Amino acid sequence: MVDLKSYIRTVPDFPKKGIGFKDITTLIKDGTAFHQAVQQMYEPFKNDKVQKIAGIESRGFILGGAIAFEHGLGFVPFRKPKKLPAKTISESYALEYGTDSIEMHVDAVQKGERVLVVDDLLATGGTAAAACKIVEKLGGIVVGVSFLIELSFLPGREKLKGRKLNVLIDFDSE
């Protein structure tokens, strides 16, 4: 087992001054670390009868797609507005200043389908909470949410209370 945290590069002042961007490209370019992360992101849910992986744009596509492929499951994306070609359902969430939203095709999740939501990073929790709401509006069951990284100095977990969470790497400060 490799120390996954050691594969994460922090880029100072990106995308703006004062932010320490957690770059996962240094992890996913290493086959051993990437495979281990994919396995560990799914492991706590292996007995939850997951039927589909739903990944949040954009790094959630990389991780979620790999998890889905590894376990023979389907993959569906959450996208930014106006990026999906067919009929969509959307959910808005609060940002520091203003709001944003994500969308999913209305036929991406069927009623009763058991879905694992995947993203690379848990920060404020708004995007992941919106993703869970979309799955549930479509009649799906969110079995849990799996993240590669959590910025535990931010309140992301609060927006996901009551949900089964899995986090592989914790950063408790910027």
N, C-alpha and C. Protein backbone atom coordinates (compact mmCIF):
# COMPACT_ATOMS: atom_id res chain seq x y z
N MET A 1 0.85 -1.18 0.00
CA MET A 1 0.00 0.00 0.00
C MET A 1 0.89 1.24 0.00
N VAL A 2 0.55 2.16 -0.88
CA VAL A 2 1.31 3.40 -0.96
C VAL A 2 0.59 4.49 -0.15
N ASP A 3 1.33 5.50 0.27
CA ASP A 3 0.77 6.64 0.98
C ASP A 3 0.18 7.59 -0.06
N LEU A 4 -1.13 7.53 -0.26
CA LEU A 4 -1.77 8.31 -1.32
C LEU A 4 -1.57 9.81 -1.13
N LYS A 5 -1.55 10.27 0.10
CA LYS A 5 -1.39 11.71 0.36
C LYS A 5 -0.08 12.24 -0.22
N SER A 6 0.93 11.39 -0.22
CA SER A 6 2.24 11.83 -0.73
C SER A 6 2.21 12.05 -2.24
N TYR A 7 1.15 11.57 -2.92
CA TYR A 7 1.03 11.74 -4.36
C TYR A 7 0.27 13.01 -4.75
N ILE A 8 -0.26 13.72 -3.77
CA ILE A 8 -1.04 14.93 -4.05
C ILE A 8 -0.11 16.14 -4.00
N ARG A 9 -0.12 16.91 -5.09
CA ARG A 9 0.68 18.12 -5.16
C ARG A 9 -0.20 19.31 -4.78
N THR A 10 0.30 20.15 -3.89
CA THR A 10 -0.41 21.38 -3.55
C THR A 10 0.21 22.51 -4.35
N VAL A 11 -0.62 23.18 -5.14
CA VAL A 11 -0.17 24.30 -5.97
C VAL A 11 -0.61 25.59 -5.27
N PRO A 12 0.35 26.38 -4.77
CA PRO A 12 -0.02 27.60 -4.05
C PRO A 12 -0.60 28.67 -4.97
N ASP A 13 -1.55 29.41 -4.40
CA ASP A 13 -2.15 30.57 -5.07
C ASP A 13 -2.81 30.22 -6.41
N PHE A 14 -3.45 29.04 -6.48
CA PHE A 14 -4.20 28.66 -7.68
C PHE A 14 -5.57 28.17 -7.26
N PRO A 15 -6.63 28.61 -7.84
CA PRO A 15 -6.73 29.52 -8.98
C PRO A 15 -6.64 31.00 -8.60
N LYS A 16 -6.56 31.26 -7.28
CA LYS A 16 -6.37 32.65 -6.85
C LYS A 16 -5.52 32.68 -5.59
N LYS A 17 -5.00 33.83 -5.29
CA LYS A 17 -4.09 34.01 -4.15
C LYS A 17 -4.73 33.50 -2.86
N GLY A 18 -3.95 32.77 -2.11
CA GLY A 18 -4.41 32.24 -0.83
C GLY A 18 -4.96 30.83 -0.88
N ILE A 19 -5.21 30.32 -2.08
CA ILE A 19 -5.74 28.96 -2.23
C ILE A 19 -4.58 28.00 -2.48
N GLY A 20 -4.58 26.88 -1.78
CA GLY A 20 -3.62 25.81 -2.03
C GLY A 20 -4.32 24.69 -2.78
N PHE A 21 -4.28 24.74 -4.11
CA PHE A 21 -5.00 23.80 -4.96
C PHE A 21 -4.44 22.39 -4.80
N LYS A 22 -5.31 21.43 -4.56
CA LYS A 22 -4.91 20.02 -4.41
C LYS A 22 -4.98 19.35 -5.78
N ASP A 23 -3.83 19.16 -6.38
CA ASP A 23 -3.69 18.62 -7.73
C ASP A 23 -3.60 17.10 -7.68
N ILE A 24 -4.61 16.42 -8.25
CA ILE A 24 -4.61 14.95 -8.24
C ILE A 24 -3.91 14.35 -9.45
N THR A 25 -3.49 15.17 -10.41
CA THR A 25 -2.84 14.60 -11.60
C THR A 25 -1.56 13.87 -11.24
N THR A 26 -0.92 14.26 -10.16
CA THR A 26 0.30 13.59 -9.71
C THR A 26 0.00 12.21 -9.12
N LEU A 27 -1.24 11.97 -8.70
CA LEU A 27 -1.64 10.65 -8.22
C LEU A 27 -2.11 9.79 -9.39
N ILE A 28 -2.96 10.33 -10.25
CA ILE A 28 -3.54 9.49 -11.30
C ILE A 28 -2.56 9.12 -12.40
N LYS A 29 -1.42 9.82 -12.47
CA LYS A 29 -0.42 9.43 -13.48
C LYS A 29 0.40 8.22 -13.04
N ASP A 30 0.29 7.85 -11.77
CA ASP A 30 0.99 6.68 -11.24
C ASP A 30 0.01 5.51 -11.18
N GLY A 31 0.28 4.47 -11.93
CA GLY A 31 -0.64 3.34 -12.02
C GLY A 31 -0.95 2.68 -10.69
N THR A 32 0.06 2.50 -9.86
CA THR A 32 -0.15 1.85 -8.57
C THR A 32 -1.02 2.70 -7.66
N ALA A 33 -0.70 3.98 -7.54
CA ALA A 33 -1.46 4.88 -6.68
C ALA A 33 -2.89 5.03 -7.19
N PHE A 34 -3.04 5.20 -8.50
CA PHE A 34 -4.38 5.36 -9.09
C PHE A 34 -5.23 4.13 -8.82
N HIS A 35 -4.67 2.94 -9.07
CA HIS A 35 -5.43 1.71 -8.85
C HIS A 35 -5.82 1.56 -7.39
N GLN A 36 -4.89 1.86 -6.49
CA GLN A 36 -5.19 1.77 -5.06
C GLN A 36 -6.31 2.75 -4.68
N ALA A 37 -6.27 3.96 -5.18
CA ALA A 37 -7.31 4.94 -4.88
C ALA A 37 -8.67 4.46 -5.38
N VAL A 38 -8.71 3.94 -6.59
CA VAL A 38 -9.96 3.43 -7.16
C VAL A 38 -10.52 2.31 -6.28
N GLN A 39 -9.68 1.39 -5.87
CA GLN A 39 -10.12 0.29 -5.00
C GLN A 39 -10.63 0.80 -3.66
N GLN A 40 -9.89 1.71 -3.05
CA GLN A 40 -10.26 2.20 -1.71
C GLN A 40 -11.49 3.11 -1.75
N MET A 41 -11.73 3.78 -2.85
CA MET A 41 -12.92 4.63 -2.94
C MET A 41 -14.19 3.80 -3.02
N TYR A 42 -14.09 2.57 -3.51
CA TYR A 42 -15.26 1.69 -3.63
C TYR A 42 -15.41 0.74 -2.44
N GLU A 43 -14.32 0.36 -1.82
CA GLU A 43 -14.30 -0.70 -0.80
C GLU A 43 -15.41 -0.60 0.26
N PRO A 44 -15.66 0.57 0.88
CA PRO A 44 -16.69 0.62 1.93
C PRO A 44 -18.11 0.38 1.42
N PHE A 45 -18.30 0.38 0.11
CA PHE A 45 -19.63 0.24 -0.48
C PHE A 45 -19.82 -1.10 -1.18
N LYS A 46 -18.83 -1.98 -1.10
CA LYS A 46 -18.85 -3.22 -1.87
C LYS A 46 -20.03 -4.13 -1.51
N ASN A 47 -20.57 -3.99 -0.30
CA ASN A 47 -21.71 -4.82 0.11
C ASN A 47 -23.03 -4.04 0.06
N ASP A 48 -23.03 -2.86 -0.55
CA ASP A 48 -24.22 -2.01 -0.59
C ASP A 48 -25.03 -2.15 -1.88
N LYS A 49 -24.72 -3.17 -2.67
CA LYS A 49 -25.46 -3.46 -3.91
C LYS A 49 -25.51 -2.26 -4.85
N VAL A 50 -24.36 -1.59 -5.00
CA VAL A 50 -24.25 -0.44 -5.92
C VAL A 50 -24.55 -0.91 -7.33
N GLN A 51 -25.39 -0.14 -8.03
CA GLN A 51 -25.73 -0.47 -9.41
C GLN A 51 -25.14 0.51 -10.42
N LYS A 52 -24.79 1.72 -9.95
CA LYS A 52 -24.29 2.74 -10.86
C LYS A 52 -23.39 3.70 -10.09
N ILE A 53 -22.39 4.21 -10.81
CA ILE A 53 -21.50 5.24 -10.28
C ILE A 53 -21.87 6.55 -10.96
N ALA A 54 -22.01 7.61 -10.17
CA ALA A 54 -22.31 8.95 -10.71
C ALA A 54 -21.16 9.87 -10.32
N GLY A 55 -20.45 10.40 -11.32
CA GLY A 55 -19.27 11.23 -11.08
C GLY A 55 -19.55 12.69 -11.36
N ILE A 56 -19.01 13.54 -10.49
CA ILE A 56 -19.20 14.99 -10.60
C ILE A 56 -18.08 15.60 -11.43
N GLU A 57 -18.48 16.48 -12.36
CA GLU A 57 -17.53 17.14 -13.26
C GLU A 57 -16.47 17.89 -12.46
N SER A 58 -15.24 17.80 -12.83
CA SER A 58 -14.68 17.03 -13.92
C SER A 58 -13.78 15.90 -13.43
N ARG A 59 -13.12 16.09 -12.32
CA ARG A 59 -12.24 15.03 -11.84
C ARG A 59 -13.01 13.83 -11.30
N GLY A 60 -14.26 14.02 -10.94
CA GLY A 60 -15.12 12.89 -10.57
C GLY A 60 -15.37 11.96 -11.74
N PHE A 61 -15.20 12.48 -12.98
CA PHE A 61 -15.31 11.62 -14.17
C PHE A 61 -14.16 10.62 -14.20
N ILE A 62 -12.97 11.10 -13.91
CA ILE A 62 -11.79 10.24 -13.96
C ILE A 62 -11.90 9.12 -12.93
N LEU A 63 -12.17 9.51 -11.69
CA LEU A 63 -12.25 8.53 -10.60
C LEU A 63 -13.47 7.64 -10.73
N GLY A 64 -14.63 8.27 -10.97
CA GLY A 64 -15.87 7.50 -11.08
C GLY A 64 -15.87 6.56 -12.26
N GLY A 65 -15.35 7.01 -13.39
CA GLY A 65 -15.27 6.14 -14.56
C GLY A 65 -14.40 4.92 -14.31
N ALA A 66 -13.29 5.14 -13.64
CA ALA A 66 -12.39 4.02 -13.32
C ALA A 66 -13.04 3.06 -12.32
N ILE A 67 -13.73 3.59 -11.33
CA ILE A 67 -14.42 2.74 -10.35
C ILE A 67 -15.50 1.92 -11.05
N ALA A 68 -16.30 2.57 -11.89
CA ALA A 68 -17.36 1.86 -12.61
C ALA A 68 -16.79 0.74 -13.48
N PHE A 69 -15.74 1.05 -14.23
CA PHE A 69 -15.12 0.06 -15.10
C PHE A 69 -14.56 -1.11 -14.28
N GLU A 70 -13.85 -0.79 -13.22
CA GLU A 70 -13.22 -1.82 -12.37
C GLU A 70 -14.25 -2.80 -11.81
N HIS A 71 -15.46 -2.33 -11.57
CA HIS A 71 -16.47 -3.16 -10.90
C HIS A 71 -17.64 -3.54 -11.82
N GLY A 72 -17.48 -3.28 -13.12
CA GLY A 72 -18.50 -3.69 -14.07
C GLY A 72 -19.81 -2.96 -13.92
N LEU A 73 -19.75 -1.70 -13.52
CA LEU A 73 -20.95 -0.90 -13.30
C LEU A 73 -21.08 0.18 -14.36
N GLY A 74 -22.28 0.71 -14.53
CA GLY A 74 -22.49 1.84 -15.42
C GLY A 74 -22.01 3.12 -14.76
N PHE A 75 -21.75 4.12 -15.59
CA PHE A 75 -21.30 5.42 -15.12
C PHE A 75 -22.19 6.50 -15.72
N VAL A 76 -22.58 7.47 -14.90
CA VAL A 76 -23.34 8.63 -15.38
C VAL A 76 -22.69 9.90 -14.84
N PRO A 77 -22.66 10.96 -15.66
CA PRO A 77 -22.01 12.19 -15.24
C PRO A 77 -22.98 13.25 -14.72
N PHE A 78 -22.49 14.01 -13.74
CA PHE A 78 -23.10 15.29 -13.36
C PHE A 78 -22.29 16.34 -14.09
N ARG A 79 -22.98 17.23 -14.82
CA ARG A 79 -22.27 18.24 -15.61
C ARG A 79 -22.69 19.64 -15.19
N LYS A 80 -21.87 20.60 -15.61
CA LYS A 80 -22.23 22.00 -15.46
C LYS A 80 -23.38 22.29 -16.42
N PRO A 81 -24.14 23.35 -16.17
CA PRO A 81 -25.32 23.63 -17.00
C PRO A 81 -25.02 23.73 -18.50
N LYS A 82 -25.98 23.22 -19.27
CA LYS A 82 -25.98 23.31 -20.72
C LYS A 82 -24.84 22.52 -21.39
N LYS A 83 -24.36 21.47 -20.74
CA LYS A 83 -23.30 20.63 -21.31
C LYS A 83 -23.83 19.26 -21.76
N LEU A 84 -25.01 18.89 -21.29
CA LEU A 84 -25.59 17.60 -21.66
C LEU A 84 -26.59 17.78 -22.80
N PRO A 85 -26.62 16.86 -23.76
CA PRO A 85 -27.40 17.07 -24.98
C PRO A 85 -28.89 16.75 -24.89
N ALA A 86 -29.31 15.92 -23.94
CA ALA A 86 -30.73 15.53 -23.86
C ALA A 86 -31.38 16.25 -22.66
N LYS A 87 -32.62 15.89 -22.39
CA LYS A 87 -33.37 16.52 -21.29
C LYS A 87 -32.66 16.27 -19.96
N THR A 88 -32.56 17.34 -19.15
CA THR A 88 -31.82 17.26 -17.89
C THR A 88 -32.69 17.67 -16.71
N ILE A 89 -32.19 17.33 -15.53
CA ILE A 89 -32.70 17.80 -14.26
C ILE A 89 -31.54 18.53 -13.60
N SER A 90 -31.83 19.63 -12.92
CA SER A 90 -30.74 20.40 -12.31
C SER A 90 -31.02 20.68 -10.85
N GLU A 91 -29.97 21.04 -10.15
CA GLU A 91 -30.05 21.42 -8.74
C GLU A 91 -29.04 22.52 -8.51
N SER A 92 -29.49 23.59 -7.86
CA SER A 92 -28.60 24.71 -7.54
C SER A 92 -28.05 24.56 -6.14
N TYR A 93 -26.92 25.20 -5.92
CA TYR A 93 -26.30 25.20 -4.59
C TYR A 93 -25.58 26.52 -4.39
N ALA A 94 -25.38 26.87 -3.13
CA ALA A 94 -24.78 28.16 -2.79
C ALA A 94 -23.26 28.10 -2.91
N LEU A 95 -22.72 29.20 -3.41
CA LEU A 95 -21.28 29.42 -3.44
C LEU A 95 -20.97 30.54 -2.44
N GLU A 96 -19.70 30.83 -2.29
CA GLU A 96 -19.32 31.91 -1.39
C GLU A 96 -20.02 33.21 -1.79
N TYR A 97 -20.06 33.48 -3.09
CA TYR A 97 -20.77 34.63 -3.62
C TYR A 97 -21.66 34.16 -4.76
N GLY A 98 -22.96 33.99 -4.50
CA GLY A 98 -23.88 33.58 -5.54
C GLY A 98 -24.23 32.10 -5.49
N THR A 99 -24.65 31.59 -6.65
CA THR A 99 -25.05 30.18 -6.74
C THR A 99 -24.47 29.56 -8.01
N ASP A 100 -24.50 28.25 -8.05
CA ASP A 100 -24.13 27.48 -9.23
C ASP A 100 -25.09 26.31 -9.30
N SER A 101 -24.99 25.51 -10.33
CA SER A 101 -25.84 24.34 -10.42
C SER A 101 -25.15 23.24 -11.23
N ILE A 102 -25.66 22.03 -11.04
CA ILE A 102 -25.21 20.89 -11.83
C ILE A 102 -26.44 20.23 -12.43
N GLU A 103 -26.20 19.43 -13.46
CA GLU A 103 -27.29 18.76 -14.17
C GLU A 103 -26.94 17.30 -14.44
N MET A 104 -28.00 16.54 -14.69
CA MET A 104 -27.88 15.14 -15.07
C MET A 104 -29.02 14.85 -16.04
N HIS A 105 -28.80 13.93 -16.96
CA HIS A 105 -29.89 13.52 -17.84
C HIS A 105 -31.02 12.91 -17.00
N VAL A 106 -32.25 13.18 -17.38
CA VAL A 106 -33.39 12.67 -16.61
C VAL A 106 -33.51 11.15 -16.69
N ASP A 107 -32.90 10.53 -17.70
CA ASP A 107 -32.96 9.08 -17.81
C ASP A 107 -31.68 8.38 -17.32
N ALA A 108 -30.83 9.12 -16.62
CA ALA A 108 -29.55 8.57 -16.16
C ALA A 108 -29.70 7.58 -15.00
N VAL A 109 -30.68 7.83 -14.15
CA VAL A 109 -30.90 6.99 -12.97
C VAL A 109 -32.37 6.56 -12.96
N GLN A 110 -32.58 5.29 -12.75
CA GLN A 110 -33.95 4.75 -12.70
C GLN A 110 -34.44 4.66 -11.26
N LYS A 111 -35.75 4.65 -11.10
CA LYS A 111 -36.35 4.55 -9.76
C LYS A 111 -35.85 3.28 -9.06
N GLY A 112 -35.37 3.47 -7.82
CA GLY A 112 -34.89 2.36 -7.02
C GLY A 112 -33.44 1.97 -7.27
N GLU A 113 -32.81 2.57 -8.27
CA GLU A 113 -31.43 2.24 -8.59
C GLU A 113 -30.49 2.74 -7.49
N ARG A 114 -29.53 1.92 -7.13
CA ARG A 114 -28.60 2.22 -6.04
C ARG A 114 -27.33 2.84 -6.62
N VAL A 115 -27.07 4.10 -6.20
CA VAL A 115 -26.04 4.93 -6.83
C VAL A 115 -24.99 5.36 -5.82
N LEU A 116 -23.72 5.25 -6.22
CA LEU A 116 -22.61 5.79 -5.46
C LEU A 116 -22.15 7.07 -6.15
N VAL A 117 -22.17 8.18 -5.43
CA VAL A 117 -21.73 9.47 -5.96
C VAL A 117 -20.24 9.62 -5.68
N VAL A 118 -19.47 10.05 -6.69
CA VAL A 118 -18.02 10.12 -6.59
C VAL A 118 -17.52 11.50 -7.03
N ASP A 119 -16.57 12.04 -6.26
CA ASP A 119 -15.87 13.25 -6.67
C ASP A 119 -14.46 13.20 -6.09
N ASP A 120 -13.62 14.10 -6.58
CA ASP A 120 -12.24 14.11 -6.11
C ASP A 120 -12.08 14.80 -4.77
N LEU A 121 -12.92 15.82 -4.49
CA LEU A 121 -12.65 16.67 -3.34
C LEU A 121 -13.92 17.11 -2.64
N LEU A 122 -13.92 16.98 -1.32
CA LEU A 122 -14.99 17.50 -0.48
C LEU A 122 -14.47 18.76 0.20
N ALA A 123 -15.09 19.90 -0.12
CA ALA A 123 -14.71 21.18 0.49
C ALA A 123 -15.92 21.72 1.25
N THR A 124 -16.77 22.49 0.60
CA THR A 124 -17.95 23.04 1.27
C THR A 124 -19.14 22.09 1.23
N GLY A 125 -19.12 21.10 0.35
CA GLY A 125 -20.18 20.09 0.30
C GLY A 125 -21.37 20.44 -0.59
N GLY A 126 -21.42 21.65 -1.11
CA GLY A 126 -22.57 22.07 -1.90
C GLY A 126 -22.79 21.26 -3.15
N THR A 127 -21.74 20.99 -3.89
CA THR A 127 -21.88 20.25 -5.14
C THR A 127 -22.32 18.81 -4.87
N ALA A 128 -21.71 18.17 -3.90
CA ALA A 128 -22.06 16.79 -3.58
C ALA A 128 -23.48 16.69 -3.05
N ALA A 129 -23.90 17.63 -2.23
CA ALA A 129 -25.28 17.62 -1.72
C ALA A 129 -26.27 17.79 -2.87
N ALA A 130 -25.96 18.68 -3.81
CA ALA A 130 -26.83 18.88 -4.97
C ALA A 130 -26.89 17.60 -5.81
N ALA A 131 -25.76 16.93 -5.97
CA ALA A 131 -25.72 15.68 -6.74
C ALA A 131 -26.63 14.62 -6.09
N CYS A 132 -26.55 14.50 -4.79
CA CYS A 132 -27.39 13.53 -4.07
C CYS A 132 -28.87 13.86 -4.26
N LYS A 133 -29.22 15.14 -4.21
CA LYS A 133 -30.61 15.56 -4.39
C LYS A 133 -31.11 15.18 -5.78
N ILE A 134 -30.26 15.35 -6.80
CA ILE A 134 -30.67 14.99 -8.16
C ILE A 134 -30.97 13.50 -8.25
N VAL A 135 -30.06 12.68 -7.73
CA VAL A 135 -30.28 11.23 -7.77
C VAL A 135 -31.60 10.88 -7.10
N GLU A 136 -31.87 11.49 -5.97
CA GLU A 136 -33.09 11.18 -5.23
C GLU A 136 -34.34 11.73 -5.93
N LYS A 137 -34.23 12.88 -6.58
CA LYS A 137 -35.37 13.40 -7.36
C LYS A 137 -35.74 12.46 -8.50
N LEU A 138 -34.74 11.77 -9.03
CA LEU A 138 -34.98 10.81 -10.11
C LEU A 138 -35.48 9.46 -9.58
N GLY A 139 -35.56 9.32 -8.26
CA GLY A 139 -36.03 8.08 -7.66
C GLY A 139 -34.94 7.11 -7.29
N GLY A 140 -33.68 7.53 -7.48
CA GLY A 140 -32.56 6.67 -7.11
C GLY A 140 -32.28 6.70 -5.62
N ILE A 141 -31.47 5.76 -5.19
CA ILE A 141 -31.07 5.66 -3.79
C ILE A 141 -29.57 5.93 -3.73
N VAL A 142 -29.18 6.96 -2.98
CA VAL A 142 -27.76 7.26 -2.81
C VAL A 142 -27.23 6.35 -1.70
N VAL A 143 -26.37 5.39 -2.09
CA VAL A 143 -25.81 4.48 -1.09
C VAL A 143 -24.67 5.14 -0.32
N GLY A 144 -24.08 6.19 -0.92
CA GLY A 144 -23.01 6.90 -0.25
C GLY A 144 -22.32 7.86 -1.20
N VAL A 145 -21.35 8.56 -0.64
CA VAL A 145 -20.55 9.51 -1.39
C VAL A 145 -19.09 9.23 -1.08
N SER A 146 -18.28 9.10 -2.12
CA SER A 146 -16.87 8.76 -1.94
C SER A 146 -15.99 9.85 -2.55
N PHE A 147 -15.02 10.29 -1.76
CA PHE A 147 -14.10 11.35 -2.17
C PHE A 147 -12.67 10.85 -2.03
N LEU A 148 -11.81 11.33 -2.91
CA LEU A 148 -10.38 11.08 -2.77
C LEU A 148 -9.83 11.93 -1.63
N ILE A 149 -10.22 13.22 -1.60
CA ILE A 149 -9.66 14.20 -0.65
C ILE A 149 -10.77 14.93 0.07
N GLU A 150 -10.53 15.22 1.35
CA GLU A 150 -11.40 16.13 2.10
C GLU A 150 -10.56 17.26 2.66
N LEU A 151 -11.06 18.47 2.53
CA LEU A 151 -10.48 19.62 3.22
C LEU A 151 -11.28 19.76 4.51
N SER A 152 -10.82 19.08 5.56
CA SER A 152 -11.62 18.97 6.78
C SER A 152 -11.71 20.27 7.57
N PHE A 153 -10.93 21.27 7.19
CA PHE A 153 -11.03 22.58 7.84
C PHE A 153 -12.22 23.37 7.29
N LEU A 154 -12.88 22.83 6.27
CA LEU A 154 -14.09 23.44 5.72
C LEU A 154 -15.30 22.59 6.12
N PRO A 155 -16.51 23.16 6.10
CA PRO A 155 -17.69 22.47 6.66
C PRO A 155 -18.43 21.53 5.71
N GLY A 156 -17.74 20.89 4.78
CA GLY A 156 -18.39 20.06 3.78
C GLY A 156 -19.24 18.93 4.33
N ARG A 157 -18.78 18.29 5.38
CA ARG A 157 -19.51 17.15 5.96
C ARG A 157 -20.89 17.55 6.46
N GLU A 158 -21.03 18.79 6.91
CA GLU A 158 -22.30 19.25 7.46
C GLU A 158 -23.42 19.14 6.43
N LYS A 159 -23.13 19.43 5.17
CA LYS A 159 -24.15 19.36 4.12
C LYS A 159 -24.47 17.93 3.71
N LEU A 160 -23.67 16.98 4.19
CA LEU A 160 -23.87 15.58 3.82
C LEU A 160 -24.22 14.72 5.04
N LYS A 161 -24.67 15.36 6.11
CA LYS A 161 -25.03 14.63 7.34
C LYS A 161 -26.05 13.55 7.03
N GLY A 162 -25.85 12.40 7.67
CA GLY A 162 -26.76 11.29 7.49
C GLY A 162 -26.43 10.40 6.30
N ARG A 163 -25.43 10.79 5.53
CA ARG A 163 -25.02 10.00 4.37
C ARG A 163 -23.75 9.22 4.70
N LYS A 164 -23.63 8.06 4.11
CA LYS A 164 -22.41 7.26 4.26
C LYS A 164 -21.32 7.92 3.43
N LEU A 165 -20.24 8.34 4.09
CA LEU A 165 -19.14 9.03 3.42
C LEU A 165 -17.87 8.20 3.50
N ASN A 166 -17.08 8.32 2.46
CA ASN A 166 -15.75 7.71 2.42
C ASN A 166 -14.77 8.76 1.90
N VAL A 167 -13.69 8.96 2.64
CA VAL A 167 -12.63 9.90 2.26
C VAL A 167 -11.30 9.20 2.44
N LEU A 168 -10.43 9.29 1.43
CA LEU A 168 -9.14 8.61 1.53
C LEU A 168 -8.04 9.50 2.11
N ILE A 169 -8.07 10.80 1.81
CA ILE A 169 -6.99 11.69 2.19
C ILE A 169 -7.59 12.93 2.85
N ASP A 170 -7.05 13.28 4.02
CA ASP A 170 -7.53 14.47 4.73
C ASP A 170 -6.46 15.54 4.77
N PHE A 171 -6.87 16.76 4.42
CA PHE A 171 -6.04 17.93 4.62
C PHE A 171 -6.77 18.80 5.64
N ASP A 172 -6.16 19.00 6.81
CA ASP A 172 -6.83 19.75 7.87
C ASP A 172 -6.44 21.22 7.91
N SER A 173 -5.68 21.66 6.91
CA SER A 173 -5.36 23.07 6.76
C SER A 173 -5.03 23.35 5.29
N GLU A 174 -5.07 24.64 4.93
CA GLU A 174 -4.80 25.04 3.54
C GLU A 174 -3.39 24.63 3.18
